[in-house]
């Protein structure tokens, strides 16, 4: 079980922070604030008769996200380890509650949200973090059993199977792919045998492929992704409009606020396809800037995990790897969808897209990663050096 550093009292008074990681997150959040505003003004005016409707809501979500991130920054990692079973129970409870008629909220044919009045909580966003925490804790507690027997290896997979069934009932195939990929990645990094992991990877790949073609609408998305121009006014509509936005952006874009695609041509321009609007308004230079920021952010996240592993903090390391995978895979899928490299999927771009649950949970992930960094041995002196270098 992970323990706090010996000088925990001093740690609580002055938490050392990974300043470069924090700067990258803040810059991405500011870009998101500008682009969500630009992409949503006309939609907000038409739907809500208030041009800044999505801007104000996005600001509220940001404040909630920063607040949640700060709270979890103050929580020692030992707490997550000790509460792993409670977190698993919370994840399963949320995924079951969302399926109960009258409690879960259905939008566009999918029942993924729990309405809390002012805000709708997407159950899968909370569940995927809880599942990473539980898996990391299990692998540390049952390390020998996981390596020595099939039963020890299969226990967390049974939990993942239950979660997968619940997500498919919503349905939320995108969340399933992200969650499954992150958990499988944590299991691999947890030190399981290659034979066990190869069998798991084969089964998961076959299951995802089967699920992808088992429903008509998923199969249509796959065929549209291969050649979106073959049916550009129906199944390929979103992707073709996104590609037009990329083409219009050229090198330096058409200028902030001057996007044409956001004028009711590109659906979900301020959520799932905000990256296409970034490409249109800021061009290739803006796209490369955003990609560089995400690459830097994910490198810092993985570096925290590596340092925790080298320090012998195995639970912290697995959690950091898991959260890095959650952020990285979701970012990769969203960017792939926007550019036509992956089939269309309803996943937001972390820290940039409009979406309360995704934004808050992403901030929580960063709060936990900063806590892991703070618990690394000797971080106080190192942080002073880093801050001095940036100042």
Protein backbone atom coordinates (compact mmCIF):
# COMPACT_ATOMS: atom_id res chain seq x y z
CA UNK A 1 0.00 0.00 0.00
CA UNK A 2 1.26 3.45 -0.90
CA UNK A 3 2.33 5.58 2.03
CA UNK A 4 2.82 9.29 2.35
CA UNK A 5 6.33 10.74 2.48
CA UNK A 6 7.89 11.08 5.91
CA UNK A 7 7.60 14.86 5.81
CA UNK A 8 3.87 14.73 5.05
CA UNK A 9 3.05 17.68 7.32
CA UNK A 10 5.41 19.93 5.35
CA UNK A 11 4.02 18.50 2.10
CA UNK A 12 0.49 19.50 3.07
CA UNK A 13 1.57 23.05 3.91
CA UNK A 14 3.34 23.66 0.60
CA UNK A 15 2.52 21.22 -2.17
CA UNK A 16 5.20 21.23 -4.89
CA UNK A 17 3.61 21.45 -8.33
CA UNK A 18 4.64 20.32 -11.80
CA UNK A 19 4.66 23.87 -13.19
CA UNK A 20 5.14 22.95 -16.89
CA UNK A 21 2.16 20.56 -16.75
CA UNK A 22 0.01 23.21 -15.08
CA UNK A 23 1.00 25.81 -17.67
CA UNK A 24 0.12 23.47 -20.55
CA UNK A 25 -3.32 22.78 -19.04
CA UNK A 26 -4.02 26.49 -18.50
CA UNK A 27 -3.06 27.35 -22.09
CA UNK A 28 -5.29 24.58 -23.47
CA UNK A 29 -8.17 25.74 -21.27
CA UNK A 30 -7.78 29.33 -22.50
CA UNK A 31 -7.73 28.13 -26.11
CA UNK A 32 -10.86 26.13 -25.39
CA UNK A 33 -12.57 29.15 -23.85
CA UNK A 34 -11.90 31.25 -26.95
CA UNK A 35 -12.82 28.54 -29.45
CA UNK A 36 -15.99 27.38 -27.67
CA UNK A 37 -17.15 31.00 -27.63
CA UNK A 38 -16.35 31.46 -31.32
CA UNK A 39 -17.94 28.17 -32.38
CA UNK A 40 -21.12 28.52 -30.33
CA UNK A 41 -22.24 32.15 -30.73
CA UNK A 42 -24.56 31.59 -33.68
CA UNK A 43 -25.91 28.28 -32.36
CA UNK A 44 -26.57 29.87 -28.95
CA UNK A 45 -28.34 32.84 -30.55
CA UNK A 46 -30.63 30.53 -32.51
CA UNK A 47 -31.33 27.99 -29.77
CA UNK A 48 -31.29 30.11 -26.63
CA UNK A 49 -31.61 33.68 -27.91
CA UNK A 50 -28.45 34.52 -25.97
CA UNK A 51 -25.18 34.64 -27.90
CA UNK A 52 -22.99 34.00 -24.85
CA UNK A 53 -25.10 31.16 -23.43
CA UNK A 54 -22.45 28.45 -23.91
CA UNK A 55 -19.63 30.77 -22.85
CA UNK A 56 -21.18 31.40 -19.43
CA UNK A 57 -21.93 27.72 -18.92
CA UNK A 58 -18.41 26.81 -20.01
CA UNK A 59 -17.01 29.28 -17.47
CA UNK A 60 -19.11 27.69 -14.73
CA UNK A 61 -17.82 24.24 -15.70
CA UNK A 62 -14.26 25.59 -15.65
CA UNK A 63 -14.69 26.96 -12.14
CA UNK A 64 -16.18 23.65 -11.01
CA UNK A 65 -13.33 21.77 -12.69
CA UNK A 66 -10.63 23.91 -11.09
CA UNK A 67 -12.35 23.58 -7.73
CA UNK A 68 -12.59 19.80 -8.06
CA UNK A 69 -8.98 19.59 -9.21
CA UNK A 70 -7.84 21.59 -6.18
CA UNK A 71 -9.82 19.35 -3.81
CA UNK A 72 -8.30 16.18 -5.23
CA UNK A 73 -4.86 17.76 -5.23
CA UNK A 74 -5.19 17.95 -1.43
CA UNK A 75 -6.20 14.28 -1.11
CA UNK A 76 -3.28 11.90 -0.39
CA UNK A 77 -2.97 9.00 -2.80
CA UNK A 78 -3.29 6.63 0.13
CA UNK A 79 -6.95 7.64 0.34
CA UNK A 80 -7.61 6.48 -3.24
CA UNK A 81 -5.90 3.17 -2.50
CA UNK A 82 -7.93 2.58 0.65
CA UNK A 83 -11.22 3.52 -1.04
CA UNK A 84 -10.75 1.46 -4.19
CA UNK A 85 -13.71 -0.83 -3.45
CA UNK A 86 -15.94 2.16 -2.68
CA UNK A 87 -14.87 3.77 -5.96
CA UNK A 88 -15.74 0.60 -7.85
CA UNK A 89 -19.15 0.53 -6.17
CA UNK A 90 -19.68 4.19 -7.10
CA UNK A 91 -18.81 3.51 -10.74
CA UNK A 92 -21.21 0.57 -11.00
CA UNK A 93 -23.96 2.45 -9.15
CA UNK A 94 -23.74 5.42 -11.53
CA UNK A 95 -23.78 3.17 -14.60
CA UNK A 96 -26.85 1.33 -13.28
CA UNK A 97 -28.68 4.49 -12.17
CA UNK A 98 -28.33 6.09 -15.58
CA UNK A 99 -30.23 3.15 -17.13
CA UNK A 100 -33.22 3.44 -14.78
CA UNK A 101 -36.17 5.16 -16.54
CA UNK A 102 -36.94 8.52 -14.96
CA UNK A 103 -33.43 8.91 -13.56
CA UNK A 104 -31.21 8.69 -16.64
CA UNK A 105 -31.53 11.43 -19.25
CA UNK A 106 -31.73 10.48 -22.92
CA UNK A 107 -30.16 12.74 -25.56
CA UNK A 108 -29.93 11.82 -29.27
CA UNK A 109 -30.97 8.24 -28.54
CA UNK A 110 -28.37 7.57 -25.84
CA UNK A 111 -29.05 7.44 -22.10
CA UNK A 112 -25.73 8.60 -20.64
CA UNK A 113 -26.56 11.45 -18.27
CA UNK A 114 -27.81 11.93 -14.73
CA UNK A 115 -29.61 15.23 -14.32
CA UNK A 116 -28.62 17.22 -11.21
CA UNK A 117 -30.69 20.27 -12.09
CA UNK A 118 -28.10 22.83 -13.16
CA UNK A 119 -25.69 20.27 -14.62
CA UNK A 120 -25.94 16.87 -16.26
CA UNK A 121 -23.34 14.33 -15.13
CA UNK A 122 -22.16 11.78 -17.68
CA UNK A 123 -21.87 8.58 -15.67
CA UNK A 124 -19.15 7.04 -17.85
CA UNK A 125 -16.79 10.01 -17.24
CA UNK A 126 -16.78 9.39 -13.49
CA UNK A 127 -16.79 5.61 -13.87
CA UNK A 128 -13.66 5.42 -16.02
CA UNK A 129 -11.55 7.24 -13.40
CA UNK A 130 -12.92 5.06 -10.61
CA UNK A 131 -12.18 1.94 -12.64
CA UNK A 132 -8.56 3.00 -13.20
CA UNK A 133 -8.15 3.56 -9.45
CA UNK A 134 -9.64 0.17 -8.59
CA UNK A 135 -7.54 -1.68 -11.18
CA UNK A 136 -4.31 -0.03 -10.00
CA UNK A 137 -5.08 -0.86 -6.37
CA UNK A 138 -5.96 -4.48 -7.21
CA UNK A 139 -2.77 -5.01 -9.21
CA UNK A 140 -0.63 -3.72 -6.34
CA UNK A 141 -2.46 -5.71 -3.65
CA UNK A 142 -2.64 -8.95 -5.69
CA UNK A 143 0.58 -8.68 -7.65
CA UNK A 144 1.78 -12.25 -7.03
CA UNK A 145 -1.67 -13.72 -7.58
CA UNK A 146 -2.08 -11.79 -10.85
CA UNK A 147 1.24 -13.12 -12.15
CA UNK A 148 0.91 -16.68 -10.92
CA UNK A 149 -2.68 -17.67 -11.78
CA UNK A 150 -5.27 -17.17 -14.45
CA UNK A 151 -7.96 -16.56 -11.83
CA UNK A 152 -6.03 -13.71 -10.24
CA UNK A 153 -5.52 -12.22 -13.69
CA UNK A 154 -9.18 -12.61 -14.68
CA UNK A 155 -10.77 -10.99 -11.60
CA UNK A 156 -10.38 -7.37 -12.76
CA UNK A 157 -11.45 -8.45 -16.24
CA UNK A 158 -14.79 -9.66 -14.87
CA UNK A 159 -15.32 -6.18 -13.43
CA UNK A 160 -14.42 -4.69 -16.81
CA UNK A 161 -16.90 -7.04 -18.49
CA UNK A 162 -19.74 -5.82 -16.24
CA UNK A 163 -18.81 -2.20 -16.96
CA UNK A 164 -18.67 -2.95 -20.69
CA UNK A 165 -22.18 -4.42 -20.67
CA UNK A 166 -23.54 -1.39 -18.79
CA UNK A 167 -21.88 1.03 -21.22
CA UNK A 168 -23.26 -0.86 -24.22
CA UNK A 169 -26.76 -0.65 -22.78
CA UNK A 170 -26.60 3.16 -22.78
CA UNK A 171 -25.12 2.86 -25.51
CA UNK A 172 -21.73 4.59 -25.24
CA UNK A 173 -19.27 2.77 -27.48
CA UNK A 174 -16.73 5.61 -27.38
CA UNK A 175 -16.51 5.58 -23.58
CA UNK A 176 -16.20 1.80 -23.69
CA UNK A 177 -13.19 1.96 -26.05
CA UNK A 178 -11.45 4.64 -23.95
CA UNK A 179 -12.11 2.86 -20.64
CA UNK A 180 -11.16 -0.58 -21.93
CA UNK A 181 -7.96 0.71 -23.54
CA UNK A 182 -6.87 2.53 -20.37
CA UNK A 183 -7.62 -0.41 -18.05
CA UNK A 184 -5.91 -2.92 -20.36
CA UNK A 185 -2.93 -0.57 -20.50
CA UNK A 186 -2.78 -0.40 -16.69
CA UNK A 187 -2.97 -4.19 -16.49
CA UNK A 188 -0.06 -4.51 -18.93
CA UNK A 189 2.04 -1.96 -17.04
CA UNK A 190 1.15 -3.70 -13.78
CA UNK A 191 3.52 -6.53 -14.70
CA UNK A 192 1.22 -9.32 -15.93
CA UNK A 193 2.67 -12.18 -17.94
CA UNK A 194 2.94 -11.70 -21.68
CA UNK A 195 0.98 -14.91 -22.27
CA UNK A 196 -1.94 -13.63 -20.19
CA UNK A 197 -1.81 -10.18 -21.75
CA UNK A 198 -1.65 -11.54 -25.32
CA UNK A 199 -4.80 -13.58 -24.69
CA UNK A 200 -6.52 -10.52 -23.21
CA UNK A 201 -5.51 -8.31 -26.13
CA UNK A 202 -6.78 -10.84 -28.65
CA UNK A 203 -10.14 -11.18 -26.90
CA UNK A 204 -10.58 -7.41 -26.49
CA UNK A 205 -9.66 -6.69 -30.11
CA UNK A 206 -12.09 -9.34 -31.36
CA UNK A 207 -14.84 -8.03 -29.06
CA UNK A 208 -14.39 -4.43 -30.22
CA UNK A 209 -14.41 -5.49 -33.87
CA UNK A 210 -17.56 -7.58 -33.35
CA UNK A 211 -19.32 -4.74 -31.52
CA UNK A 212 -18.33 -2.27 -34.22
CA UNK A 213 -20.20 -4.23 -36.90
CA UNK A 214 -23.03 -5.61 -34.76
CA UNK A 215 -25.17 -2.46 -34.97
CA UNK A 216 -26.31 -0.87 -38.22
CA UNK A 217 -25.47 2.69 -37.19
CA UNK A 218 -21.92 1.70 -36.17
CA UNK A 219 -21.41 -0.12 -39.48
CA UNK A 220 -22.68 2.94 -41.36
CA UNK A 221 -20.14 5.10 -39.54
CA UNK A 222 -17.37 2.71 -40.55
CA UNK A 223 -18.36 2.73 -44.22
CA UNK A 224 -18.83 6.51 -44.17
CA UNK A 225 -15.38 6.93 -42.63
CA UNK A 226 -13.79 4.94 -45.47
CA UNK A 227 -15.37 7.17 -48.14
CA UNK A 228 -17.38 10.05 -46.58
CA UNK A 229 -17.91 11.73 -49.97
CA UNK A 230 -19.91 8.74 -51.21
CA UNK A 231 -22.83 9.87 -49.02
CA UNK A 232 -21.83 13.39 -48.07
CA UNK A 233 -25.36 14.55 -47.23
CA UNK A 234 -26.22 11.69 -44.87
CA UNK A 235 -23.82 9.25 -43.15
CA UNK A 236 -20.71 11.17 -44.25
CA UNK A 237 -22.09 14.62 -43.54
CA UNK A 238 -20.21 15.47 -40.33
CA UNK A 239 -16.86 14.25 -41.61
CA UNK A 240 -17.12 16.01 -44.97
CA UNK A 241 -18.02 19.29 -43.26
CA UNK A 242 -15.07 18.88 -40.89
CA UNK A 243 -12.74 18.22 -43.82
CA UNK A 244 -14.06 21.33 -45.58
CA UNK A 245 -13.21 23.31 -42.43
CA UNK A 246 -9.64 21.98 -42.52
CA UNK A 247 -9.35 22.84 -46.21
CA UNK A 248 -10.60 26.40 -45.70
CA UNK A 249 -8.08 27.00 -42.90
CA UNK A 250 -5.01 26.57 -45.12
CA UNK A 251 -1.81 27.91 -43.45
CA UNK A 252 -3.01 30.64 -41.09
CA UNK A 253 -6.79 30.28 -41.04
CA UNK A 254 -9.64 32.62 -41.94
CA UNK A 255 -9.37 34.50 -38.63
CA UNK A 256 -11.02 34.13 -35.22
CA UNK A 257 -14.80 34.32 -35.49
CA UNK A 258 -14.79 34.03 -39.29
CA UNK A 259 -15.59 30.33 -39.59
CA UNK A 260 -18.32 29.45 -42.07
CA UNK A 261 -18.68 25.82 -41.00
CA UNK A 262 -19.90 26.80 -37.51
CA UNK A 263 -22.91 28.52 -39.18
CA UNK A 264 -25.06 25.38 -38.88
CA UNK A 265 -23.04 23.42 -41.46
CA UNK A 266 -20.92 21.41 -39.01
CA UNK A 267 -23.01 19.78 -36.24
CA UNK A 268 -21.60 19.89 -32.69
CA UNK A 269 -19.06 22.52 -33.73
CA UNK A 270 -18.44 23.59 -30.10
CA UNK A 271 -18.23 20.06 -28.67
CA UNK A 272 -17.04 17.03 -30.66
CA UNK A 273 -15.79 19.00 -33.71
CA UNK A 274 -14.27 22.08 -32.12
CA UNK A 275 -10.85 21.02 -33.45
CA UNK A 276 -12.16 21.44 -37.01
CA UNK A 277 -13.18 25.01 -36.16
CA UNK A 278 -9.70 25.62 -34.73
CA UNK A 279 -8.27 24.41 -38.05
CA UNK A 280 -10.58 26.65 -40.05
CA UNK A 281 -10.01 29.82 -38.02
CA UNK A 282 -6.30 29.45 -37.15
CA UNK A 283 -5.06 27.21 -39.97
CA UNK A 284 -2.21 24.73 -39.93
CA UNK A 285 -0.20 26.89 -37.52
CA UNK A 286 -3.01 26.78 -34.95
CA UNK A 287 -3.44 23.02 -35.40
CA UNK A 288 0.27 22.38 -34.89
CA UNK A 289 0.26 24.57 -31.78
CA UNK A 290 -2.60 22.59 -30.23
CA UNK A 291 -0.96 19.28 -31.14
CA UNK A 292 2.31 20.40 -29.58
CA UNK A 293 0.53 21.41 -26.38
CA UNK A 294 -1.17 18.01 -26.10
CA UNK A 295 2.08 16.19 -26.83
CA UNK A 296 3.85 18.19 -24.14
CA UNK A 297 1.02 17.67 -21.63
CA UNK A 298 0.93 13.92 -22.16
CA UNK A 299 4.72 13.71 -21.95
CA UNK A 300 4.63 15.44 -18.57
CA UNK A 301 1.86 13.09 -17.38
CA UNK A 302 3.79 9.99 -18.42
CA UNK A 303 6.95 11.44 -16.89
CA UNK A 304 5.18 11.73 -13.53
CA UNK A 305 4.20 8.06 -13.80
CA UNK A 306 7.78 7.10 -14.65
CA UNK A 307 9.20 9.03 -11.70
CA UNK A 308 6.67 7.43 -9.33
CA UNK A 309 7.66 3.99 -10.62
CA UNK A 310 11.36 4.73 -10.11
CA UNK A 311 10.57 5.92 -6.57
CA UNK A 312 8.90 2.58 -5.79
CA UNK A 313 5.40 4.12 -5.53
CA UNK A 314 3.74 1.43 -7.60
CA UNK A 315 0.11 2.41 -6.95
CA UNK A 316 0.84 6.05 -7.75
CA UNK A 317 2.67 5.04 -10.92
CA UNK A 318 -0.16 2.82 -12.20
CA UNK A 319 -2.76 5.52 -11.48
CA UNK A 320 -0.64 8.11 -13.30
CA UNK A 321 -0.23 5.79 -16.28
CA UNK A 322 -3.97 5.06 -16.28
CA UNK A 323 -5.00 8.72 -16.16
CA UNK A 324 -2.44 9.55 -18.86
CA UNK A 325 -3.98 6.85 -21.04
CA UNK A 326 -7.50 8.16 -20.42
CA UNK A 327 -6.52 11.68 -21.48
CA UNK A 328 -4.28 10.53 -24.32
CA UNK A 329 -6.66 8.02 -25.89
CA UNK A 330 -9.63 10.39 -25.75
CA UNK A 331 -7.52 13.15 -27.32
CA UNK A 332 -6.26 10.79 -30.02
CA UNK A 333 -9.76 9.58 -30.89
CA UNK A 334 -11.21 13.09 -31.06
CA UNK A 335 -8.35 14.34 -33.27
CA UNK A 336 -8.65 11.23 -35.44
CA UNK A 337 -12.40 11.73 -35.88
CA UNK A 338 -12.00 15.41 -36.78
CA UNK A 339 -9.33 14.68 -39.40
CA UNK A 340 -11.01 11.60 -40.89
CA UNK A 341 -8.42 9.15 -39.58
CA UNK A 342 -10.99 7.39 -37.37
CA UNK A 343 -14.74 6.70 -37.64
CA UNK A 344 -17.05 9.35 -36.18
CA UNK A 345 -17.44 9.01 -32.42
CA UNK A 346 -19.01 11.32 -29.87
CA UNK A 347 -15.99 12.11 -27.69
CA UNK A 348 -14.96 15.58 -26.56
CA UNK A 349 -11.48 17.07 -26.82
CA UNK A 350 -10.11 17.29 -23.24
CA UNK A 351 -9.78 20.85 -21.83
CA UNK A 352 -11.00 22.46 -25.07
CA UNK A 353 -14.46 21.13 -26.02
CA UNK A 354 -17.66 22.33 -24.40
CA UNK A 355 -18.97 19.68 -22.02
CA UNK A 356 -19.30 19.85 -18.24
CA UNK A 357 -18.60 16.25 -17.23
CA UNK A 358 -15.59 15.85 -19.51
CA UNK A 359 -14.06 19.17 -18.46
CA UNK A 360 -14.52 18.56 -14.73
CA UNK A 361 -13.21 14.98 -14.86
CA UNK A 362 -10.20 16.08 -16.94
CA UNK A 363 -9.39 18.68 -14.28
CA UNK A 364 -9.73 16.01 -11.59
CA UNK A 365 -7.25 13.83 -13.50
CA UNK A 366 -4.76 16.70 -13.55
CA UNK A 367 -5.34 17.32 -9.83
CA UNK A 368 -4.54 13.68 -9.06
CA UNK A 369 -1.47 13.72 -11.31
CA UNK A 370 -0.19 16.85 -9.56
CA UNK A 371 -0.73 15.10 -6.22
CA UNK A 372 1.32 12.13 -7.40
CA UNK A 373 4.05 14.55 -8.44
CA UNK A 374 3.88 16.23 -5.01
CA UNK A 375 4.34 12.90 -3.23
CA UNK A 376 7.54 12.08 -5.13
CA UNK A 377 10.60 12.09 -2.85
CA UNK A 378 12.60 15.32 -2.94
CA UNK A 379 10.05 17.25 -4.97
CA UNK A 380 10.24 20.41 -2.82
CA UNK A 381 13.81 21.31 -3.79
CA UNK A 382 13.29 20.31 -7.42
CA UNK A 383 10.13 22.42 -7.71
CA UNK A 384 11.94 25.53 -6.46
CA UNK A 385 14.51 25.03 -9.25
CA UNK A 386 11.78 24.60 -11.89
CA UNK A 387 9.84 27.65 -10.75
CA UNK A 388 13.02 29.75 -10.75
CA UNK A 389 13.79 28.60 -14.30
CA UNK A 390 10.35 29.61 -15.55
CA UNK A 391 10.31 32.94 -13.70
